[in-house]
Amino acid sequence: MNTQTSARSWTAFTVWAGVTALVWALCFVWVSEQDERCAHGFVGPGGPFTVRRGYFPPDVTCVWRDGTEAAGLGPLEYLWWAVVLATAVSLVRTLAGRRNA
């Protein structure tokens, strides 16, 4: 692998890492809002509920006795996993190219 290709690989990885950080921040803000809603009882059927937390990706889900759930991330979770996968693939390709040099 030549120097220019190696530099491009590291640049691509750096960009994906930055995108991952931005999506993580977006998830955190989104989940913070959900946490606040659950705390005040603004969502769901009402009554007692438990809060289930996830940390990778960050998520807060309110779960009521009847099984109703209100998740914080929803479809944003798919974006999170797509970005994490792209970052991991980029890192593997960069390191594999360096190893072959």
C-alpha atoms as a PDB file:
ATOM      1  CA  MET A   1       0.000   0.000   0.000  1.00  0.00           C
ATOM      2  CA  ASN A   2       1.490   3.340  -0.949  1.00  0.00           C
ATOM      3  CA  THR A   3       1.669   6.386   1.279  1.00  0.00           C
ATOM      4  CA  GLN A   4      -1.154   8.241  -0.458  1.00  0.00           C
ATOM      5  CA  THR A   5      -3.562   5.314  -0.115  1.00  0.00           C
ATOM      6  CA  SER A   6      -2.579   4.894   3.522  1.00  0.00           C
ATOM      7  CA  ALA A   7      -3.230   8.575   4.188  1.00  0.00           C
ATOM      8  CA  ARG A   8      -6.658   8.305   2.531  1.00  0.00           C
ATOM      9  CA  SER A   9      -7.512   5.264   4.633  1.00  0.00           C
ATOM     10  CA  TRP A  10      -6.611   7.080   7.842  1.00  0.00           C
ATOM     11  CA  THR A  11      -8.559  10.138   6.694  1.00  0.00           C
ATOM     12  CA  ALA A  12     -11.623   7.998   5.970  1.00  0.00           C
ATOM     13  CA  PHE A  13     -11.346   6.365   9.391  1.00  0.00           C
ATOM     14  CA  THR A  14     -11.004   9.756  11.073  1.00  0.00           C
ATOM     15  CA  VAL A  15     -14.095  11.052   9.280  1.00  0.00           C
ATOM     16  CA  TRP A  16     -16.117   7.975  10.288  1.00  0.00           C
ATOM     17  CA  ALA A  17     -14.915   8.300  13.881  1.00  0.00           C
ATOM     18  CA  GLY A  18     -16.089  11.927  13.873  1.00  0.00           C
ATOM     19  CA  VAL A  19     -19.477  10.931  12.445  1.00  0.00           C
ATOM     20  CA  THR A  20     -19.763   8.264  15.139  1.00  0.00           C
ATOM     21  CA  ALA A  21     -19.090  10.888  17.816  1.00  0.00           C
ATOM     22  CA  LEU A  22     -21.757  13.189  16.346  1.00  0.00           C
ATOM     23  CA  VAL A  23     -24.338  10.399  16.164  1.00  0.00           C
ATOM     24  CA  TRP A  24     -23.484   9.390  19.747  1.00  0.00           C
ATOM     25  CA  ALA A  25     -24.107  12.982  20.867  1.00  0.00           C
ATOM     26  CA  LEU A  26     -27.398  13.074  18.939  1.00  0.00           C
ATOM     27  CA  CYS A  27     -28.467   9.801  20.569  1.00  0.00           C
ATOM     28  CA  PHE A  28     -27.532  11.140  23.995  1.00  0.00           C
ATOM     29  CA  VAL A  29     -29.619  14.294  23.516  1.00  0.00           C
ATOM     30  CA  TRP A  30     -32.548  12.291  22.147  1.00  0.00           C
ATOM     31  CA  VAL A  31     -32.371   9.833  25.041  1.00  0.00           C
ATOM     32  CA  SER A  32     -32.079  12.633  27.614  1.00  0.00           C
ATOM     33  CA  GLU A  33     -35.400  13.985  26.365  1.00  0.00           C
ATOM     34  CA  GLN A  34     -36.960  10.522  26.663  1.00  0.00           C
ATOM     35  CA  ASP A  35     -35.581  10.160  30.183  1.00  0.00           C
ATOM     36  CA  GLU A  36     -37.197  13.465  31.113  1.00  0.00           C
ATOM     37  CA  ARG A  37     -40.540  12.422  29.599  1.00  0.00           C
ATOM     38  CA  CYS A  38     -40.487   9.125  31.478  1.00  0.00           C
ATOM     39  CA  ALA A  39     -39.609  10.883  34.716  1.00  0.00           C
ATOM     40  CA  HIS A  40     -42.646  13.144  34.369  1.00  0.00           C
ATOM     41  CA  GLY A  41     -44.989  10.443  33.064  1.00  0.00           C
ATOM     42  CA  PHE A  42     -45.688  12.290  29.795  1.00  0.00           C
ATOM     43  CA  VAL A  43     -45.617   9.192  27.590  1.00  0.00           C
ATOM     44  CA  GLY A  44     -47.341   5.845  27.604  1.00  0.00           C
ATOM     45  CA  PRO A  45     -50.569   4.571  29.110  1.00  0.00           C
ATOM     46  CA  GLY A  46     -49.873   5.981  32.568  1.00  0.00           C
ATOM     47  CA  GLY A  47     -49.521   4.223  35.871  1.00  0.00           C
ATOM     48  CA  PRO A  48     -46.416   2.632  37.375  1.00  0.00           C
ATOM     49  CA  PHE A  49     -43.578   1.779  35.055  1.00  0.00           C
ATOM     50  CA  THR A  50     -39.920   0.803  35.137  1.00  0.00           C
ATOM     51  CA  VAL A  51     -37.096   2.436  33.265  1.00  0.00           C
ATOM     52  CA  ARG A  52     -34.735   0.211  31.298  1.00  0.00           C
ATOM     53  CA  ARG A  53     -31.407   1.766  30.299  1.00  0.00           C
ATOM     54  CA  GLY A  54     -28.964   0.739  27.600  1.00  0.00           C
ATOM     55  CA  TYR A  55     -25.506   2.167  27.205  1.00  0.00           C
ATOM     56  CA  PHE A  56     -24.296   0.900  23.825  1.00  0.00           C
ATOM     57  CA  PRO A  57     -26.048   2.602  22.144  1.00  0.00           C
ATOM     58  CA  PRO A  58     -27.373   4.929  24.817  1.00  0.00           C
ATOM     59  CA  ASP A  59     -31.094   4.342  25.282  1.00  0.00           C
ATOM     60  CA  VAL A  60     -33.888   4.790  27.807  1.00  0.00           C
ATOM     61  CA  THR A  61     -37.081   2.750  27.571  1.00  0.00           C
ATOM     62  CA  CYS A  62     -40.135   3.198  29.783  1.00  0.00           C
ATOM     63  CA  VAL A  63     -41.860  -0.170  30.348  1.00  0.00           C
ATOM     64  CA  TRP A  64     -45.365  -0.361  31.821  1.00  0.00           C
ATOM     65  CA  ARG A  65     -46.961  -3.344  33.545  1.00  0.00           C
ATOM     66  CA  ASP A  66     -49.092  -4.181  30.492  1.00  0.00           C
ATOM     67  CA  GLY A  67     -45.933  -4.546  28.366  1.00  0.00           C
ATOM     68  CA  THR A  68     -46.208  -1.207  26.583  1.00  0.00           C
ATOM     69  CA  GLU A  69     -42.796   0.261  25.861  1.00  0.00           C
ATOM     70  CA  ALA A  70     -41.691   3.735  24.839  1.00  0.00           C
ATOM     71  CA  ALA A  71     -38.086   3.675  23.623  1.00  0.00           C
ATOM     72  CA  GLY A  72     -35.927   6.754  23.338  1.00  0.00           C
ATOM     73  CA  LEU A  73     -33.966   5.950  20.196  1.00  0.00           C
ATOM     74  CA  GLY A  74     -36.467   4.163  18.021  1.00  0.00           C
ATOM     75  CA  PRO A  75     -35.294   4.273  14.376  1.00  0.00           C
ATOM     76  CA  LEU A  76     -32.225   6.311  15.365  1.00  0.00           C
ATOM     77  CA  GLU A  77     -30.758   3.066  16.724  1.00  0.00           C
ATOM     78  CA  TYR A  78     -30.398   1.737  13.150  1.00  0.00           C
ATOM     79  CA  LEU A  79     -28.430   4.834  12.167  1.00  0.00           C
ATOM     80  CA  TRP A  80     -26.234   4.349  15.238  1.00  0.00           C
ATOM     81  CA  TRP A  81     -25.377   0.750  14.354  1.00  0.00           C
ATOM     82  CA  ALA A  82     -24.780   1.618  10.666  1.00  0.00           C
ATOM     83  CA  VAL A  83     -22.293   4.336  11.632  1.00  0.00           C
ATOM     84  CA  VAL A  84     -20.518   2.086  14.143  1.00  0.00           C
ATOM     85  CA  LEU A  85     -20.262  -0.658  11.519  1.00  0.00           C
ATOM     86  CA  ALA A  86     -18.885   1.745   8.903  1.00  0.00           C
ATOM     87  CA  THR A  87     -16.299   3.023  11.385  1.00  0.00           C
ATOM     88  CA  ALA A  88     -15.231  -0.508  12.297  1.00  0.00           C
ATOM     89  CA  VAL A  89     -14.930  -1.533   8.635  1.00  0.00           C
ATOM     90  CA  SER A  90     -12.909   1.583   7.914  1.00  0.00           C
ATOM     91  CA  LEU A  91     -10.527   0.814  10.790  1.00  0.00           C
ATOM     92  CA  VAL A  92     -10.097  -2.811   9.715  1.00  0.00           C
ATOM     93  CA  ARG A  93      -9.364  -1.779   6.121  1.00  0.00           C
ATOM     94  CA  THR A  94      -6.867   0.833   7.291  1.00  0.00           C
ATOM     95  CA  LEU A  95      -5.035  -1.580   9.570  1.00  0.00           C
ATOM     96  CA  ALA A  96      -5.086  -4.364   6.953  1.00  0.00           C
ATOM     97  CA  GLY A  97      -3.571  -2.000   4.399  1.00  0.00           C
ATOM     98  CA  ARG A  98      -0.868  -0.986   6.841  1.00  0.00           C
ATOM     99  CA  ARG A  99      -0.059  -4.608   7.582  1.00  0.00           C
ATOM    100  CA  ASN A 100       0.343  -5.365   3.871  1.00  0.00           C
ATOM    101  CA  ALA A 101       2.701  -2.439   3.353  1.00  0.00           C
END
